[in-house]
């Protein structure tokens, strides 16, 4: 018996990110981005690079925003794997103007995973 494919909810990620923005409005007011990757042979976050206004990275760490965002990104990667939804190995989270968004990128090899 093969594992059942979970139907992908295209609103799941944006809904969860909006919830995070409501919890941390000060973090989404300033411009910044978080580039992240997942291991090629495993569905989970492997690294992230933060680019934010002066002092905001420290605030992200102190308030728990950084930890919660990283946990969300890991959950998104696993959810996409469970639903067989690509891409799921690279992306960018953008902050600014009171909004937070995610853009999934194709891997360097050009695959959709």
PDB file of N, CA and C in Angstrom:
ATOM      1  N   UNK A   1       0.837  -1.180   0.000  1.00  0.00           N
ATOM      2  CA  UNK A   1       0.000   0.000   0.000  1.00  0.00           C
ATOM      3  C   UNK A   1       0.886   1.250   0.000  1.00  0.00           C
ATOM      4  N   UNK A   2       0.655   2.151  -0.927  1.00  0.00           N
ATOM      5  CA  UNK A   2       1.490   3.347  -1.025  1.00  0.00           C
ATOM      6  C   UNK A   2       0.970   4.440  -0.094  1.00  0.00           C
ATOM      7  N   UNK A   3       1.896   5.306   0.393  1.00  0.00           N
ATOM      8  CA  UNK A   3       1.464   6.386   1.280  1.00  0.00           C
ATOM      9  C   UNK A   3       0.553   7.352   0.531  1.00  0.00           C
ATOM     10  N   UNK A   4      -0.470   7.820   1.229  1.00  0.00           N
ATOM     11  CA  UNK A   4      -1.412   8.740   0.625  1.00  0.00           C
ATOM     12  C   UNK A   4      -0.794  10.117   0.448  1.00  0.00           C
ATOM     13  N   UNK A   5      -1.100  10.730  -0.666  1.00  0.00           N
ATOM     14  CA  UNK A   5      -0.618  12.084  -0.931  1.00  0.00           C
ATOM     15  C   UNK A   5      -1.576  13.068  -0.267  1.00  0.00           C
ATOM     16  N   UNK A   6      -1.027  13.989   0.512  1.00  0.00           N
ATOM     17  CA  UNK A   6      -1.821  15.025   1.144  1.00  0.00           C
ATOM     18  C   UNK A   6      -2.062  16.133   0.139  1.00  0.00           C
ATOM     19  N   UNK A   7      -3.294  16.627   0.070  1.00  0.00           N
ATOM     20  CA  UNK A   7      -3.605  17.715  -0.853  1.00  0.00           C
ATOM     21  C   UNK A   7      -2.978  19.008  -0.353  1.00  0.00           C
ATOM     22  N   UNK A   8      -2.283  19.691  -1.228  1.00  0.00           N
ATOM     23  CA  UNK A   8      -1.565  20.909  -0.880  1.00  0.00           C
ATOM     24  C   UNK A   8      -2.528  22.084  -0.760  1.00  0.00           C
ATOM     25  N   UNK A   9      -2.455  22.804   0.352  1.00  0.00           N
ATOM     26  CA  UNK A   9      -3.253  24.007   0.582  1.00  0.00           C
ATOM     27  C   UNK A   9      -2.380  25.208   0.237  1.00  0.00           C
ATOM     28  N   UNK A  10      -2.684  25.874  -0.864  1.00  0.00           N
ATOM     29  CA  UNK A  10      -1.840  26.972  -1.326  1.00  0.00           C
ATOM     30  C   UNK A  10      -1.905  28.203  -0.417  1.00  0.00           C
ATOM     31  N   UNK A  11      -2.854  28.254   0.494  1.00  0.00           N
ATOM     32  CA  UNK A  11      -2.972  29.381   1.421  1.00  0.00           C
ATOM     33  C   UNK A  11      -2.281  29.140   2.763  1.00  0.00           C
ATOM     34  N   UNK A  12      -1.843  27.922   3.008  1.00  0.00           N
ATOM     35  CA  UNK A  12      -1.270  27.551   4.308  1.00  0.00           C
ATOM     36  C   UNK A  12      -0.080  28.437   4.695  1.00  0.00           C
ATOM     37  N   UNK A  13       0.883  28.570   3.796  1.00  0.00           N
ATOM     38  CA  UNK A  13       2.094  29.323   4.122  1.00  0.00           C
ATOM     39  C   UNK A  13       1.802  30.803   4.350  1.00  0.00           C
ATOM     40  N   UNK A  14       1.039  31.416   3.456  1.00  0.00           N
ATOM     41  CA  UNK A  14       0.752  32.849   3.614  1.00  0.00           C
ATOM     42  C   UNK A  14      -0.079  33.106   4.867  1.00  0.00           C
ATOM     43  N   UNK A  15      -0.986  32.214   5.195  1.00  0.00           N
ATOM     44  CA  UNK A  15      -1.785  32.368   6.412  1.00  0.00           C
ATOM     45  C   UNK A  15      -0.902  32.315   7.659  1.00  0.00           C
ATOM     46  N   UNK A  16      -0.017  31.346   7.712  1.00  0.00           N
ATOM     47  CA  UNK A  16       0.882  31.207   8.867  1.00  0.00           C
ATOM     48  C   UNK A  16       1.833  32.403   8.974  1.00  0.00           C
ATOM     49  N   UNK A  17       2.322  32.902   7.849  1.00  0.00           N
ATOM     50  CA  UNK A  17       3.201  34.073   7.872  1.00  0.00           C
ATOM     51  C   UNK A  17       2.444  35.320   8.349  1.00  0.00           C
ATOM     52  N   UNK A  18       1.179  35.470   7.917  1.00  0.00           N
ATOM     53  CA  UNK A  18       0.375  36.600   8.408  1.00  0.00           C
ATOM     54  C   UNK A  18       0.177  36.514   9.917  1.00  0.00           C
ATOM     55  N   UNK A  19      -0.033  35.321  10.433  1.00  0.00           N
ATOM     56  CA  UNK A  19      -0.171  35.145  11.885  1.00  0.00           C
ATOM     57  C   UNK A  19       1.102  35.576  12.597  1.00  0.00           C
ATOM     58  N   UNK A  20       2.254  35.234  12.042  1.00  0.00           N
ATOM     59  CA  UNK A  20       3.535  35.636  12.619  1.00  0.00           C
ATOM     60  C   UNK A  20       3.683  37.158  12.580  1.00  0.00           C
ATOM     61  N   UNK A  21       3.249  37.789  11.486  1.00  0.00           N
ATOM     62  CA  UNK A  21       3.330  39.242  11.359  1.00  0.00           C
ATOM     63  C   UNK A  21       2.470  39.936  12.413  1.00  0.00           C
ATOM     64  N   UNK A  22       1.331  39.349  12.736  1.00  0.00           N
ATOM     65  CA  UNK A  22       0.456  39.917  13.776  1.00  0.00           C
ATOM     66  C   UNK A  22       1.138  39.824  15.139  1.00  0.00           C
ATOM     67  N   UNK A  23       1.841  38.738  15.383  1.00  0.00           N
ATOM     68  CA  UNK A  23       2.552  38.550  16.657  1.00  0.00           C
ATOM     69  C   UNK A  23       3.752  39.484  16.787  1.00  0.00           C
ATOM     70  N   UNK A  24       4.410  39.804  15.666  1.00  0.00           N
ATOM     71  CA  UNK A  24       5.649  40.583  15.678  1.00  0.00           C
ATOM     72  C   UNK A  24       5.569  41.741  14.680  1.00  0.00           C
ATOM     73  N   UNK A  25       4.666  42.692  14.899  1.00  0.00           N
ATOM     74  CA  UNK A  25       4.505  43.783  13.926  1.00  0.00           C
ATOM     75  C   UNK A  25       5.769  44.614  13.727  1.00  0.00           C
ATOM     76  N   UNK A  26       6.584  44.757  14.775  1.00  0.00           N
ATOM     77  CA  UNK A  26       7.814  45.548  14.643  1.00  0.00           C
ATOM     78  C   UNK A  26       8.813  44.904  13.688  1.00  0.00           C
ATOM     79  N   UNK A  27       8.755  43.586  13.546  1.00  0.00           N
ATOM     80  CA  UNK A  27       9.694  42.885  12.678  1.00  0.00           C
ATOM     81  C   UNK A  27       9.340  43.043  11.202  1.00  0.00           C
ATOM     82  N   UNK A  28       8.063  43.219  10.895  1.00  0.00           N
ATOM     83  CA  UNK A  28       7.668  43.299   9.491  1.00  0.00           C
ATOM     84  C   UNK A  28       7.539  44.740   8.989  1.00  0.00           C
ATOM     85  N   UNK A  29       7.766  45.691   9.874  1.00  0.00           N
ATOM     86  CA  UNK A  29       7.756  47.107   9.452  1.00  0.00           C
ATOM     87  C   UNK A  29       9.033  47.477   8.709  1.00  0.00           C
ATOM     88  N   UNK A  30      10.146  46.949   9.167  1.00  0.00           N
ATOM     89  CA  UNK A  30      11.451  47.266   8.565  1.00  0.00           C
ATOM     90  C   UNK A  30      11.742  46.310   7.411  1.00  0.00           C
ATOM     91  N   UNK A  31      12.542  46.778   6.464  1.00  0.00           N
ATOM     92  CA  UNK A  31      12.916  45.949   5.317  1.00  0.00           C
ATOM     93  C   UNK A  31      13.968  44.927   5.715  1.00  0.00           C
ATOM     94  N   UNK A  32      13.815  43.734   5.176  1.00  0.00           N
ATOM     95  CA  UNK A  32      14.791  42.681   5.399  1.00  0.00           C
ATOM     96  C   UNK A  32      14.419  41.449   4.609  1.00  0.00           C
ATOM     97  N   UNK A  33      15.335  40.496   4.583  1.00  0.00           N
ATOM     98  CA  UNK A  33      15.036  39.226   3.933  1.00  0.00           C
ATOM     99  C   UNK A  33      15.831  38.108   4.580  1.00  0.00           C
ATOM    100  N   UNK A  34      15.278  36.915   4.441  1.00  0.00           N
ATOM    101  CA  UNK A  34      15.911  35.709   4.951  1.00  0.00           C
ATOM    102  C   UNK A  34      15.957  34.715   3.800  1.00  0.00           C
ATOM    103  N   UNK A  35      17.175  34.376   3.375  1.00  0.00           N
ATOM    104  CA  UNK A  35      17.360  33.355   2.334  1.00  0.00           C
ATOM    105  C   UNK A  35      17.628  32.038   3.039  1.00  0.00           C
ATOM    106  N   UNK A  36      16.937  30.979   2.614  1.00  0.00           N
ATOM    107  CA  UNK A  36      17.068  29.696   3.296  1.00  0.00           C
ATOM    108  C   UNK A  36      17.220  28.555   2.302  1.00  0.00           C
ATOM    109  N   UNK A  37      17.803  27.474   2.788  1.00  0.00           N
ATOM    110  CA  UNK A  37      18.001  26.271   1.982  1.00  0.00           C
ATOM    111  C   UNK A  37      17.674  25.042   2.811  1.00  0.00           C
ATOM    112  N   UNK A  38      17.421  23.964   2.094  1.00  0.00           N
ATOM    113  CA  UNK A  38      17.196  22.663   2.721  1.00  0.00           C
ATOM    114  C   UNK A  38      18.212  21.682   2.148  1.00  0.00           C
ATOM    115  N   UNK A  39      18.544  20.676   2.917  1.00  0.00           N
ATOM    116  CA  UNK A  39      19.452  19.644   2.436  1.00  0.00           C
ATOM    117  C   UNK A  39      18.838  18.937   1.240  1.00  0.00           C
ATOM    118  N   UNK A  40      19.655  18.591   0.281  1.00  0.00           N
ATOM    119  CA  UNK A  40      19.158  17.950  -0.937  1.00  0.00           C
ATOM    120  C   UNK A  40      18.536  16.590  -0.657  1.00  0.00           C
ATOM    121  N   UNK A  41      19.088  15.844   0.290  1.00  0.00           N
ATOM    122  CA  UNK A  41      18.610  14.488   0.548  1.00  0.00           C
ATOM    123  C   UNK A  41      17.695  14.392   1.774  1.00  0.00           C
ATOM    124  N   UNK A  42      17.281  15.536   2.315  1.00  0.00           N
ATOM    125  CA  UNK A  42      16.428  15.523   3.497  1.00  0.00           C
ATOM    126  C   UNK A  42      15.482  16.722   3.435  1.00  0.00           C
ATOM    127  N   UNK A  43      14.271  16.531   3.909  1.00  0.00           N
ATOM    128  CA  UNK A  43      13.294  17.608   3.872  1.00  0.00           C
ATOM    129  C   UNK A  43      13.241  18.320   5.216  1.00  0.00           C
ATOM    130  N   UNK A  44      14.107  19.280   5.375  1.00  0.00           N
ATOM    131  CA  UNK A  44      14.189  20.104   6.576  1.00  0.00           C
ATOM    132  C   UNK A  44      15.172  21.229   6.320  1.00  0.00           C
ATOM    133  N   UNK A  45      15.015  22.317   7.024  1.00  0.00           N
ATOM    134  CA  UNK A  45      15.876  23.480   6.800  1.00  0.00           C
ATOM    135  C   UNK A  45      17.317  23.161   7.205  1.00  0.00           C
ATOM    136  N   UNK A  46      18.259  23.620   6.391  1.00  0.00           N
ATOM    137  CA  UNK A  46      19.668  23.361   6.708  1.00  0.00           C
ATOM    138  C   UNK A  46      20.451  24.646   6.960  1.00  0.00           C
ATOM    139  N   UNK A  47      19.942  25.776   6.494  1.00  0.00           N
ATOM    140  CA  UNK A  47      20.663  27.014   6.721  1.00  0.00           C
ATOM    141  C   UNK A  47      19.854  28.215   6.293  1.00  0.00           C
ATOM    142  N   UNK A  48      20.256  29.366   6.825  1.00  0.00           N
ATOM    143  CA  UNK A  48      19.581  30.616   6.483  1.00  0.00           C
ATOM    144  C   UNK A  48      20.565  31.765   6.590  1.00  0.00           C
ATOM    145  N   UNK A  49      20.353  32.754   5.753  1.00  0.00           N
ATOM    146  CA  UNK A  49      21.155  33.962   5.755  1.00  0.00           C
ATOM    147  C   UNK A  49      20.219  35.149   5.928  1.00  0.00           C
ATOM    148  N   UNK A  50      20.449  35.935   6.978  1.00  0.00           N
ATOM    149  CA  UNK A  50      19.582  37.062   7.320  1.00  0.00           C
ATOM    150  C   UNK A  50      20.203  38.364   6.850  1.00  0.00           C
ATOM    151  N   UNK A  51      19.403  39.202   6.225  1.00  0.00           N
ATOM    152  CA  UNK A  51      19.824  40.530   5.806  1.00  0.00           C
ATOM    153  C   UNK A  51      18.759  41.508   6.303  1.00  0.00           C
ATOM    154  N   UNK A  52      19.125  42.291   7.345  1.00  0.00           N
ATOM    155  CA  UNK A  52      18.153  43.175   7.981  1.00  0.00           C
ATOM    156  C   UNK A  52      18.795  44.497   8.368  1.00  0.00           C
ATOM    157  N   UNK A  53      17.952  45.473   8.665  1.00  0.00           N
ATOM    158  CA  UNK A  53      18.420  46.775   9.115  1.00  0.00           C
ATOM    159  C   UNK A  53      19.242  46.632  10.391  1.00  0.00           C
ATOM    160  N   UNK A  54      20.108  47.599  10.630  1.00  0.00           N
ATOM    161  CA  UNK A  54      20.968  47.583  11.819  1.00  0.00           C
ATOM    162  C   UNK A  54      20.170  47.316  13.084  1.00  0.00           C
ATOM    163  N   UNK A  55      20.646  46.389  13.875  1.00  0.00           N
ATOM    164  CA  UNK A  55      20.042  46.096  15.164  1.00  0.00           C
ATOM    165  C   UNK A  55      18.810  45.216  15.111  1.00  0.00           C
ATOM    166  N   UNK A  56      18.206  45.063  13.937  1.00  0.00           N
ATOM    167  CA  UNK A  56      16.975  44.286  13.853  1.00  0.00           C
ATOM    168  C   UNK A  56      17.221  42.791  14.008  1.00  0.00           C
ATOM    169  N   UNK A  57      18.395  42.314  13.574  1.00  0.00           N
ATOM    170  CA  UNK A  57      18.694  40.895  13.738  1.00  0.00           C
ATOM    171  C   UNK A  57      18.752  40.539  15.223  1.00  0.00           C
ATOM    172  N   UNK A  58      19.346  41.418  16.034  1.00  0.00           N
ATOM    173  CA  UNK A  58      19.401  41.178  17.481  1.00  0.00           C
ATOM    174  C   UNK A  58      17.996  41.142  18.069  1.00  0.00           C
ATOM    175  N   UNK A  59      17.140  42.052  17.608  1.00  0.00           N
ATOM    176  CA  UNK A  59      15.749  42.075  18.084  1.00  0.00           C
ATOM    177  C   UNK A  59      15.038  40.781  17.678  1.00  0.00           C
ATOM    178  N   UNK A  60      15.293  40.310  16.450  1.00  0.00           N
ATOM    179  CA  UNK A  60      14.680  39.064  15.976  1.00  0.00           C
ATOM    180  C   UNK A  60      15.065  37.899  16.878  1.00  0.00           C
ATOM    181  N   UNK A  61      16.303  37.870  17.300  1.00  0.00           N
ATOM    182  CA  UNK A  61      16.767  36.801  18.189  1.00  0.00           C
ATOM    183  C   UNK A  61      16.187  36.947  19.590  1.00  0.00           C
ATOM    184  N   UNK A  62      16.231  38.156  20.128  1.00  0.00           N
ATOM    185  CA  UNK A  62      15.782  38.402  21.505  1.00  0.00           C
ATOM    186  C   UNK A  62      14.287  38.176  21.700  1.00  0.00           C
ATOM    187  N   UNK A  63      13.489  38.510  20.699  1.00  0.00           N
ATOM    188  CA  UNK A  63      12.037  38.411  20.836  1.00  0.00           C
ATOM    189  C   UNK A  63      11.495  37.017  20.538  1.00  0.00           C
ATOM    190  N   UNK A  64      12.313  36.161  19.952  1.00  0.00           N
ATOM    191  CA  UNK A  64      11.844  34.832  19.572  1.00  0.00           C
ATOM    192  C   UNK A  64      11.361  34.753  18.130  1.00  0.00           C
ATOM    193  N   UNK A  65      11.344  35.889  17.425  1.00  0.00           N
ATOM    194  CA  UNK A  65      10.900  35.908  16.033  1.00  0.00           C
ATOM    195  C   UNK A  65      11.764  34.987  15.171  1.00  0.00           C
ATOM    196  N   UNK A  66      13.065  35.058  15.355  1.00  0.00           N
ATOM    197  CA  UNK A  66      13.992  34.252  14.554  1.00  0.00           C
ATOM    198  C   UNK A  66      13.693  32.765  14.730  1.00  0.00           C
ATOM    199  N   UNK A  67      13.562  32.329  15.955  1.00  0.00           N
ATOM    200  CA  UNK A  67      13.285  30.915  16.229  1.00  0.00           C
ATOM    201  C   UNK A  67      11.963  30.480  15.602  1.00  0.00           C
ATOM    202  N   UNK A  68      10.917  31.291  15.773  1.00  0.00           N
ATOM    203  CA  UNK A  68       9.610  30.934  15.230  1.00  0.00           C
ATOM    204  C   UNK A  68       9.615  30.910  13.705  1.00  0.00           C
ATOM    205  N   UNK A  69      10.293  31.868  13.079  1.00  0.00           N
ATOM    206  CA  UNK A  69      10.356  31.866  11.617  1.00  0.00           C
ATOM    207  C   UNK A  69      11.112  30.641  11.124  1.00  0.00           C
ATOM    208  N   UNK A  70      12.215  30.298  11.758  1.00  0.00           N
ATOM    209  CA  UNK A  70      12.977  29.125  11.335  1.00  0.00           C
ATOM    210  C   UNK A  70      12.150  27.846  11.495  1.00  0.00           C
ATOM    211  N   UNK A  71      11.394  27.751  12.582  1.00  0.00           N
ATOM    212  CA  UNK A  71      10.525  26.586  12.776  1.00  0.00           C
ATOM    213  C   UNK A  71       9.433  26.536  11.710  1.00  0.00           C
ATOM    214  N   UNK A  72       8.886  27.691  11.362  1.00  0.00           N
ATOM    215  CA  UNK A  72       7.875  27.743  10.304  1.00  0.00           C
ATOM    216  C   UNK A  72       8.456  27.312   8.962  1.00  0.00           C
ATOM    217  N   UNK A  73       9.639  27.803   8.632  1.00  0.00           N
ATOM    218  CA  UNK A  73      10.261  27.431   7.361  1.00  0.00           C
ATOM    219  C   UNK A  73      10.514  25.927   7.301  1.00  0.00           C
ATOM    220  N   UNK A  74      10.955  25.359   8.404  1.00  0.00           N
ATOM    221  CA  UNK A  74      11.158  23.917   8.462  1.00  0.00           C
ATOM    222  C   UNK A  74       9.832  23.190   8.246  1.00  0.00           C
ATOM    223  N   UNK A  75       8.774  23.668   8.879  1.00  0.00           N
ATOM    224  CA  UNK A  75       7.451  23.063   8.715  1.00  0.00           C
ATOM    225  C   UNK A  75       6.959  23.199   7.272  1.00  0.00           C
ATOM    226  N   UNK A  76       7.212  24.347   6.640  1.00  0.00           N
ATOM    227  CA  UNK A  76       6.803  24.540   5.244  1.00  0.00           C
ATOM    228  C   UNK A  76       7.503  23.545   4.333  1.00  0.00           C
ATOM    229  N   UNK A  77       8.795  23.350   4.545  1.00  0.00           N
ATOM    230  CA  UNK A  77       9.569  22.414   3.720  1.00  0.00           C
ATOM    231  C   UNK A  77       9.019  20.998   3.885  1.00  0.00           C
ATOM    232  N   UNK A  78       8.769  20.603   5.114  1.00  0.00           N
ATOM    233  CA  UNK A  78       8.230  19.258   5.377  1.00  0.00           C
ATOM    234  C   UNK A  78       6.821  19.098   4.797  1.00  0.00           C
ATOM    235  N   UNK A  79       6.014  20.134   4.922  1.00  0.00           N
ATOM    236  CA  UNK A  79       4.649  20.099   4.378  1.00  0.00           C
ATOM    237  C   UNK A  79       4.683  19.947   2.863  1.00  0.00           C
ATOM    238  N   UNK A  80       5.541  20.719   2.189  1.00  0.00           N
ATOM    239  CA  UNK A  80       5.661  20.609   0.744  1.00  0.00           C
ATOM    240  C   UNK A  80       6.137  19.218   0.335  1.00  0.00           C
ATOM    241  N   UNK A  81       7.036  18.628   1.114  1.00  0.00           N
ATOM    242  CA  UNK A  81       7.506  17.271   0.814  1.00  0.00           C
ATOM    243  C   UNK A  81       6.358  16.270   0.975  1.00  0.00           C
ATOM    244  N   UNK A  82       5.607  16.408   2.036  1.00  0.00           N
ATOM    245  CA  UNK A  82       4.477  15.512   2.307  1.00  0.00           C
ATOM    246  C   UNK A  82       3.447  15.580   1.177  1.00  0.00           C
ATOM    247  N   UNK A  83       3.272  16.774   0.603  1.00  0.00           N
ATOM    248  CA  UNK A  83       2.303  16.982  -0.477  1.00  0.00           C
ATOM    249  C   UNK A  83       2.918  16.795  -1.858  1.00  0.00           C
ATOM    250  N   UNK A  84       4.200  16.443  -1.912  1.00  0.00           N
ATOM    251  CA  UNK A  84       4.921  16.299  -3.182  1.00  0.00           C
ATOM    252  C   UNK A  84       4.838  17.590  -3.990  1.00  0.00           C
ATOM    253  N   UNK A  85       5.010  18.703  -3.297  1.00  0.00           N
ATOM    254  CA  UNK A  85       4.905  20.033  -3.903  1.00  0.00           C
ATOM    255  C   UNK A  85       6.287  20.655  -4.023  1.00  0.00           C
ATOM    256  N   UNK A  86       6.645  21.078  -5.194  1.00  0.00           N
ATOM    257  CA  UNK A  86       7.907  21.764  -5.376  1.00  0.00           C
ATOM    258  C   UNK A  86       7.653  23.190  -5.797  1.00  0.00           C
ATOM    259  N   UNK A  87       8.645  24.022  -5.787  1.00  0.00           N
ATOM    260  CA  UNK A  87       9.973  23.799  -5.197  1.00  0.00           C
ATOM    261  C   UNK A  87       9.905  23.826  -3.676  1.00  0.00           C
ATOM    262  N   UNK A  88      10.923  23.241  -3.048  1.00  0.00           N
ATOM    263  CA  UNK A  88      10.944  23.201  -1.583  1.00  0.00           C
ATOM    264  C   UNK A  88      12.353  23.202  -0.973  1.00  0.00           C
ATOM    265  N   UNK A  89      13.364  23.416  -1.780  1.00  0.00           N
ATOM    266  CA  UNK A  89      14.737  23.353  -1.266  1.00  0.00           C
ATOM    267  C   UNK A  89      15.390  24.711  -1.051  1.00  0.00           C
ATOM    268  N   UNK A  90      14.824  25.787  -1.640  1.00  0.00           N
ATOM    269  CA  UNK A  90      15.410  27.119  -1.519  1.00  0.00           C
ATOM    270  C   UNK A  90      14.304  28.153  -1.559  1.00  0.00           C
ATOM    271  N   UNK A  91      14.530  29.248  -0.821  1.00  0.00           N
ATOM    272  CA  UNK A  91      13.543  30.316  -0.876  1.00  0.00           C
ATOM    273  C   UNK A  91      14.022  31.581  -0.190  1.00  0.00           C
ATOM    274  N   UNK A  92      13.160  32.606  -0.276  1.00  0.00           N
ATOM    275  CA  UNK A  92      13.433  33.903   0.331  1.00  0.00           C
ATOM    276  C   UNK A  92      12.170  34.372   1.034  1.00  0.00           C
ATOM    277  N   UNK A  93      12.330  34.773   2.287  1.00  0.00           N
ATOM    278  CA  UNK A  93      11.251  35.426   3.025  1.00  0.00           C
ATOM    279  C   UNK A  93      11.578  36.910   3.020  1.00  0.00           C
ATOM    280  N   UNK A  94      10.613  37.716   2.605  1.00  0.00           N
ATOM    281  CA  UNK A  94      10.809  39.167   2.552  1.00  0.00           C
ATOM    282  C   UNK A  94       9.941  39.850   3.598  1.00  0.00           C
ATOM    283  N   UNK A  95      10.555  40.819   4.285  1.00  0.00           N
ATOM    284  CA  UNK A  95       9.880  41.600   5.314  1.00  0.00           C
ATOM    285  C   UNK A  95       9.888  43.062   4.892  1.00  0.00           C
ATOM    286  N   UNK A  96       8.832  43.785   5.243  1.00  0.00           N
ATOM    287  CA  UNK A  96       8.827  45.225   4.977  1.00  0.00           C
ATOM    288  C   UNK A  96       7.433  45.770   4.769  1.00  0.00           C
ATOM    289  N   UNK A  97       7.254  47.017   5.150  1.00  0.00           N
ATOM    290  CA  UNK A  97       5.979  47.683   4.943  1.00  0.00           C
ATOM    291  C   UNK A  97       4.822  47.040   5.682  1.00  0.00           C
ATOM    292  N   UNK A  98       5.129  46.326   6.753  1.00  0.00           N
ATOM    293  CA  UNK A  98       4.084  45.651   7.521  1.00  0.00           C
ATOM    294  C   UNK A  98       3.697  44.291   6.975  1.00  0.00           C
ATOM    295  N   UNK A  99       4.413  43.813   5.960  1.00  0.00           N
ATOM    296  CA  UNK A  99       4.082  42.537   5.315  1.00  0.00           C
ATOM    297  C   UNK A  99       5.245  41.546   5.417  1.00  0.00           C
ATOM    298  N   UNK A 100       4.902  40.296   5.266  1.00  0.00           N
ATOM    299  CA  UNK A 100       5.891  39.230   5.191  1.00  0.00           C
ATOM    300  C   UNK A 100       5.432  38.273   4.095  1.00  0.00           C
ATOM    301  N   UNK A 101       6.361  37.874   3.236  1.00  0.00           N
ATOM    302  CA  UNK A 101       6.005  36.979   2.134  1.00  0.00           C
ATOM    303  C   UNK A 101       7.125  35.974   1.904  1.00  0.00           C
ATOM    304  N   UNK A 102       6.785  34.915   1.188  1.00  0.00           N
ATOM    305  CA  UNK A 102       7.772  33.891   0.869  1.00  0.00           C
ATOM    306  C   UNK A 102       7.775  33.654  -0.633  1.00  0.00           C
ATOM    307  N   UNK A 103       8.963  33.486  -1.170  1.00  0.00           N
ATOM    308  CA  UNK A 103       9.131  33.125  -2.571  1.00  0.00           C
ATOM    309  C   UNK A 103       9.998  31.875  -2.618  1.00  0.00           C
ATOM    310  N   UNK A 104       9.481  30.831  -3.242  1.00  0.00           N
ATOM    311  CA  UNK A 104      10.236  29.595  -3.389  1.00  0.00           C
ATOM    312  C   UNK A 104      11.037  29.666  -4.677  1.00  0.00           C
ATOM    313  N   UNK A 105      12.290  29.237  -4.604  1.00  0.00           N
ATOM    314  CA  UNK A 105      13.202  29.298  -5.746  1.00  0.00           C
ATOM    315  C   UNK A 105      13.536  27.898  -6.227  1.00  0.00           C
ATOM    316  N   UNK A 106      13.798  27.787  -7.510  1.00  0.00           N
ATOM    317  CA  UNK A 106      14.237  26.508  -8.052  1.00  0.00           C
ATOM    318  C   UNK A 106      15.663  26.254  -7.602  1.00  0.00           C
ATOM    319  N   UNK A 107      16.011  25.003  -7.414  1.00  0.00           N
ATOM    320  CA  UNK A 107      17.377  24.663  -7.013  1.00  0.00           C
ATOM    321  C   UNK A 107      18.338  24.989  -8.135  1.00  0.00           C
ATOM    322  N   UNK A 108      19.612  25.044  -7.810  1.00  0.00           N
ATOM    323  CA  UNK A 108      20.645  25.386  -8.785  1.00  0.00           C
ATOM    324  C   UNK A 108      20.660  24.428  -9.967  1.00  0.00           C
ATOM    325  N   UNK A 109      20.259  23.180  -9.720  1.00  0.00           N
ATOM    326  CA  UNK A 109      20.246  22.204 -10.798  1.00  0.00           C
ATOM    327  C   UNK A 109      19.053  22.402 -11.726  1.00  0.00           C
ATOM    328  N   UNK A 110      18.111  23.300 -11.334  1.00  0.00           N
ATOM    329  CA  UNK A 110      16.967  23.553 -12.193  1.00  0.00           C
ATOM    330  C   UNK A 110      15.796  22.628 -11.920  1.00  0.00           C
ATOM    331  N   UNK A 111      15.915  21.749 -10.940  1.00  0.00           N
ATOM    332  CA  UNK A 111      14.776  20.889 -10.627  1.00  0.00           C
ATOM    333  C   UNK A 111      13.752  21.675  -9.844  1.00  0.00           C
ATOM    334  N   UNK A 112      12.554  21.176  -9.755  1.00  0.00           N
ATOM    335  CA  UNK A 112      11.486  21.892  -9.053  1.00  0.00           C
ATOM    336  C   UNK A 112      11.398  21.454  -7.601  1.00  0.00           C
ATOM    337  N   UNK A 113      12.371  20.768  -7.096  1.00  0.00           N
ATOM    338  CA  UNK A 113      12.315  20.328  -5.717  1.00  0.00           C
ATOM    339  C   UNK A 113      13.257  21.121  -4.922  1.00  0.00           C
TER     340      UNK A 113
END
